[in-house]
């Protein structure tokens, strides 16, 4: 699994709070572990919950 899929799984299973997931996503985006498109998808996923 890659970083993006791991974050989606954590969000879907509610293993961490949305704030914690966004903090991780911010770090991964800055370090180019996820793309801007993947980041936006996570934002939409978390907003829909």
PDB file of N, CA and C in Angstrom:
ATOM      1  N   UNK A   1       0.849  -1.197   0.000  1.00  0.00           N
ATOM      2  CA  UNK A   1       0.000   0.000   0.000  1.00  0.00           C
ATOM      3  C   UNK A   1       0.879   1.240   0.000  1.00  0.00           C
ATOM      4  N   UNK A   2       0.367   2.260  -0.632  1.00  0.00           N
ATOM      5  CA  UNK A   2       1.130   3.495  -0.621  1.00  0.00           C
ATOM      6  C   UNK A   2       0.577   4.454   0.443  1.00  0.00           C
ATOM      7  N   UNK A   3       1.228   5.557   0.602  1.00  0.00           N
ATOM      8  CA  UNK A   3       0.885   6.530   1.644  1.00  0.00           C
ATOM      9  C   UNK A   3      -0.553   7.022   1.509  1.00  0.00           C
ATOM     10  N   UNK A   4      -0.942   7.362   0.295  1.00  0.00           N
ATOM     11  CA  UNK A   4      -2.296   7.876   0.070  1.00  0.00           C
ATOM     12  C   UNK A   4      -3.347   6.845   0.455  1.00  0.00           C
ATOM     13  N   UNK A   5      -3.176   5.620   0.013  1.00  0.00           N
ATOM     14  CA  UNK A   5      -4.148   4.566   0.353  1.00  0.00           C
ATOM     15  C   UNK A   5      -4.196   4.320   1.857  1.00  0.00           C
ATOM     16  N   UNK A   6      -3.069   4.391   2.507  1.00  0.00           N
ATOM     17  CA  UNK A   6      -3.044   4.233   3.968  1.00  0.00           C
ATOM     18  C   UNK A   6      -3.840   5.341   4.658  1.00  0.00           C
ATOM     19  N   UNK A   7      -3.671   6.579   4.209  1.00  0.00           N
ATOM     20  CA  UNK A   7      -4.424   7.691   4.798  1.00  0.00           C
ATOM     21  C   UNK A   7      -5.923   7.528   4.561  1.00  0.00           C
ATOM     22  N   UNK A   8      -6.298   7.095   3.366  1.00  0.00           N
ATOM     23  CA  UNK A   8      -7.719   6.879   3.070  1.00  0.00           C
ATOM     24  C   UNK A   8      -8.297   5.799   3.969  1.00  0.00           C
ATOM     25  N   UNK A   9      -7.547   4.733   4.187  1.00  0.00           N
ATOM     26  CA  UNK A   9      -8.008   3.652   5.048  1.00  0.00           C
ATOM     27  C   UNK A   9      -8.174   4.131   6.483  1.00  0.00           C
ATOM     28  N   UNK A  10      -7.206   4.881   6.973  1.00  0.00           N
ATOM     29  CA  UNK A  10      -7.284   5.423   8.334  1.00  0.00           C
ATOM     30  C   UNK A  10      -8.496   6.333   8.480  1.00  0.00           C
ATOM     31  N   UNK A  11      -8.761   7.152   7.462  1.00  0.00           N
ATOM     32  CA  UNK A  11      -9.905   8.060   7.501  1.00  0.00           C
ATOM     33  C   UNK A  11     -11.218   7.292   7.459  1.00  0.00           C
ATOM     34  N   UNK A  12     -11.288   6.296   6.598  1.00  0.00           N
ATOM     35  CA  UNK A  12     -12.518   5.521   6.437  1.00  0.00           C
ATOM     36  C   UNK A  12     -12.851   4.736   7.702  1.00  0.00           C
ATOM     37  N   UNK A  13     -11.835   4.176   8.321  1.00  0.00           N
ATOM     38  CA  UNK A  13     -12.050   3.376   9.532  1.00  0.00           C
ATOM     39  C   UNK A  13     -12.080   4.222  10.803  1.00  0.00           C
ATOM     40  N   UNK A  14     -11.865   5.529  10.635  1.00  0.00           N
ATOM     41  CA  UNK A  14     -11.882   6.480  11.760  1.00  0.00           C
ATOM     42  C   UNK A  14     -10.898   6.094  12.856  1.00  0.00           C
ATOM     43  N   UNK A  15      -9.692   5.702  12.431  1.00  0.00           N
ATOM     44  CA  UNK A  15      -8.643   5.329  13.387  1.00  0.00           C
ATOM     45  C   UNK A  15      -8.004   6.558  14.027  1.00  0.00           C
ATOM     46  N   UNK A  16      -8.090   7.693  13.334  1.00  0.00           N
ATOM     47  CA  UNK A  16      -7.572   8.961  13.852  1.00  0.00           C
ATOM     48  C   UNK A  16      -8.604  10.033  13.589  1.00  0.00           C
ATOM     49  N   UNK A  17      -8.496  11.130  14.306  1.00  0.00           N
ATOM     50  CA  UNK A  17      -9.431  12.234  14.092  1.00  0.00           C
ATOM     51  C   UNK A  17      -9.130  12.905  12.752  1.00  0.00           C
ATOM     52  N   UNK A  18     -10.107  13.611  12.202  1.00  0.00           N
ATOM     53  CA  UNK A  18      -9.855  14.333  10.941  1.00  0.00           C
ATOM     54  C   UNK A  18      -8.685  15.314  11.054  1.00  0.00           C
ATOM     55  N   UNK A  19      -8.530  15.945  12.203  1.00  0.00           N
ATOM     56  CA  UNK A  19      -7.427  16.886  12.396  1.00  0.00           C
ATOM     57  C   UNK A  19      -6.077  16.175  12.329  1.00  0.00           C
ATOM     58  N   UNK A  20      -5.997  15.003  12.957  1.00  0.00           N
ATOM     59  CA  UNK A  20      -4.748  14.234  12.924  1.00  0.00           C
ATOM     60  C   UNK A  20      -4.418  13.782  11.500  1.00  0.00           C
ATOM     61  N   UNK A  21      -5.443  13.361  10.777  1.00  0.00           N
ATOM     62  CA  UNK A  21      -5.229  12.920   9.400  1.00  0.00           C
ATOM     63  C   UNK A  21      -4.763  14.085   8.528  1.00  0.00           C
ATOM     64  N   UNK A  22      -5.358  15.254   8.715  1.00  0.00           N
ATOM     65  CA  UNK A  22      -4.951  16.417   7.920  1.00  0.00           C
ATOM     66  C   UNK A  22      -3.532  16.846   8.278  1.00  0.00           C
ATOM     67  N   UNK A  23      -3.148  16.733   9.529  1.00  0.00           N
ATOM     68  CA  UNK A  23      -1.766  17.038   9.902  1.00  0.00           C
ATOM     69  C   UNK A  23      -0.790  16.107   9.180  1.00  0.00           C
ATOM     70  N   UNK A  24      -1.122  14.824   9.144  1.00  0.00           N
ATOM     71  CA  UNK A  24      -0.282  13.867   8.424  1.00  0.00           C
ATOM     72  C   UNK A  24      -0.268  14.189   6.927  1.00  0.00           C
ATOM     73  N   UNK A  25      -1.438  14.492   6.373  1.00  0.00           N
ATOM     74  CA  UNK A  25      -1.526  14.800   4.943  1.00  0.00           C
ATOM     75  C   UNK A  25      -0.692  16.028   4.598  1.00  0.00           C
ATOM     76  N   UNK A  26      -0.722  17.039   5.462  1.00  0.00           N
ATOM     77  CA  UNK A  26       0.089  18.245   5.229  1.00  0.00           C
ATOM     78  C   UNK A  26       1.577  17.892   5.161  1.00  0.00           C
ATOM     79  N   UNK A  27       2.014  17.088   6.090  1.00  0.00           N
ATOM     80  CA  UNK A  27       3.426  16.683   6.126  1.00  0.00           C
ATOM     81  C   UNK A  27       3.783  15.867   4.886  1.00  0.00           C
ATOM     82  N   UNK A  28       2.918  14.918   4.542  1.00  0.00           N
ATOM     83  CA  UNK A  28       3.192  14.080   3.369  1.00  0.00           C
ATOM     84  C   UNK A  28       3.176  14.893   2.078  1.00  0.00           C
ATOM     85  N   UNK A  29       2.302  15.893   1.986  1.00  0.00           N
ATOM     86  CA  UNK A  29       2.265  16.754   0.804  1.00  0.00           C
ATOM     87  C   UNK A  29       3.548  17.566   0.706  1.00  0.00           C
ATOM     88  N   UNK A  30       4.002  18.127   1.808  1.00  0.00           N
ATOM     89  CA  UNK A  30       5.236  18.925   1.801  1.00  0.00           C
ATOM     90  C   UNK A  30       6.450  18.087   1.409  1.00  0.00           C
ATOM     91  N   UNK A  31       6.429  16.817   1.767  1.00  0.00           N
ATOM     92  CA  UNK A  31       7.556  15.929   1.463  1.00  0.00           C
ATOM     93  C   UNK A  31       7.339  15.112   0.191  1.00  0.00           C
ATOM     94  N   UNK A  32       6.328  15.501  -0.572  1.00  0.00           N
ATOM     95  CA  UNK A  32       6.015  14.883  -1.866  1.00  0.00           C
ATOM     96  C   UNK A  32       5.739  13.388  -1.772  1.00  0.00           C
ATOM     97  N   UNK A  33       5.131  12.978  -0.666  1.00  0.00           N
ATOM     98  CA  UNK A  33       4.714  11.576  -0.524  1.00  0.00           C
ATOM     99  C   UNK A  33       3.323  11.371  -1.108  1.00  0.00           C
ATOM    100  N   UNK A  34       2.528  12.469  -1.194  1.00  0.00           N
ATOM    101  CA  UNK A  34       1.237  12.449  -1.879  1.00  0.00           C
ATOM    102  C   UNK A  34       1.186  13.657  -2.806  1.00  0.00           C
ATOM    103  N   UNK A  35       0.326  13.580  -3.820  1.00  0.00           N
ATOM    104  CA  UNK A  35       0.189  14.685  -4.776  1.00  0.00           C
ATOM    105  C   UNK A  35      -0.868  15.671  -4.284  1.00  0.00           C
ATOM    106  N   UNK A  36      -0.909  16.821  -4.919  1.00  0.00           N
ATOM    107  CA  UNK A  36      -1.924  17.831  -4.587  1.00  0.00           C
ATOM    108  C   UNK A  36      -3.327  17.284  -4.857  1.00  0.00           C
ATOM    109  N   UNK A  37      -3.478  16.494  -5.900  1.00  0.00           N
ATOM    110  CA  UNK A  37      -4.775  15.896  -6.221  1.00  0.00           C
ATOM    111  C   UNK A  37      -5.207  14.910  -5.136  1.00  0.00           C
ATOM    112  N   UNK A  38      -4.279  14.120  -4.655  1.00  0.00           N
ATOM    113  CA  UNK A  38      -4.584  13.176  -3.583  1.00  0.00           C
ATOM    114  C   UNK A  38      -4.934  13.928  -2.299  1.00  0.00           C
ATOM    115  N   UNK A  39      -4.236  15.012  -2.038  1.00  0.00           N
ATOM    116  CA  UNK A  39      -4.516  15.836  -0.862  1.00  0.00           C
ATOM    117  C   UNK A  39      -5.953  16.359  -0.934  1.00  0.00           C
ATOM    118  N   UNK A  40      -6.340  16.882  -2.105  1.00  0.00           N
ATOM    119  CA  UNK A  40      -7.695  17.407  -2.269  1.00  0.00           C
ATOM    120  C   UNK A  40      -8.743  16.304  -2.096  1.00  0.00           C
ATOM    121  N   UNK A  41      -8.433  15.118  -2.557  1.00  0.00           N
ATOM    122  CA  UNK A  41      -9.357  13.994  -2.383  1.00  0.00           C
ATOM    123  C   UNK A  41      -9.538  13.669  -0.898  1.00  0.00           C
ATOM    124  N   UNK A  42      -8.454  13.719  -0.140  1.00  0.00           N
ATOM    125  CA  UNK A  42      -8.558  13.488   1.311  1.00  0.00           C
ATOM    126  C   UNK A  42      -9.387  14.566   1.985  1.00  0.00           C
ATOM    127  N   UNK A  43      -9.194  15.813   1.573  1.00  0.00           N
ATOM    128  CA  UNK A  43      -9.973  16.915   2.145  1.00  0.00           C
ATOM    129  C   UNK A  43     -11.463  16.675   1.903  1.00  0.00           C
ATOM    130  N   UNK A  44     -11.815  16.320   0.678  1.00  0.00           N
ATOM    131  CA  UNK A  44     -13.224  16.052   0.351  1.00  0.00           C
ATOM    132  C   UNK A  44     -13.758  14.867   1.136  1.00  0.00           C
ATOM    133  N   UNK A  45     -12.960  13.826   1.283  1.00  0.00           N
ATOM    134  CA  UNK A  45     -13.367  12.657   2.042  1.00  0.00           C
ATOM    135  C   UNK A  45     -13.661  13.017   3.499  1.00  0.00           C
ATOM    136  N   UNK A  46     -12.774  13.805   4.079  1.00  0.00           N
ATOM    137  CA  UNK A  46     -12.944  14.178   5.487  1.00  0.00           C
ATOM    138  C   UNK A  46     -14.082  15.160   5.675  1.00  0.00           C
ATOM    139  N   UNK A  47     -14.330  16.019   4.698  1.00  0.00           N
ATOM    140  CA  UNK A  47     -15.448  16.970   4.796  1.00  0.00           C
ATOM    141  C   UNK A  47     -16.781  16.253   4.707  1.00  0.00           C
ATOM    142  N   UNK A  48     -16.828  15.136   4.004  1.00  0.00           N
ATOM    143  CA  UNK A  48     -18.079  14.412   3.820  1.00  0.00           C
ATOM    144  C   UNK A  48     -18.443  13.571   5.042  1.00  0.00           C
ATOM    145  N   UNK A  49     -17.544  13.433   5.984  1.00  0.00           N
ATOM    146  CA  UNK A  49     -17.793  12.602   7.180  1.00  0.00           C
ATOM    147  C   UNK A  49     -18.382  13.408   8.293  1.00  0.00           C
TER     148      UNK A  49
END
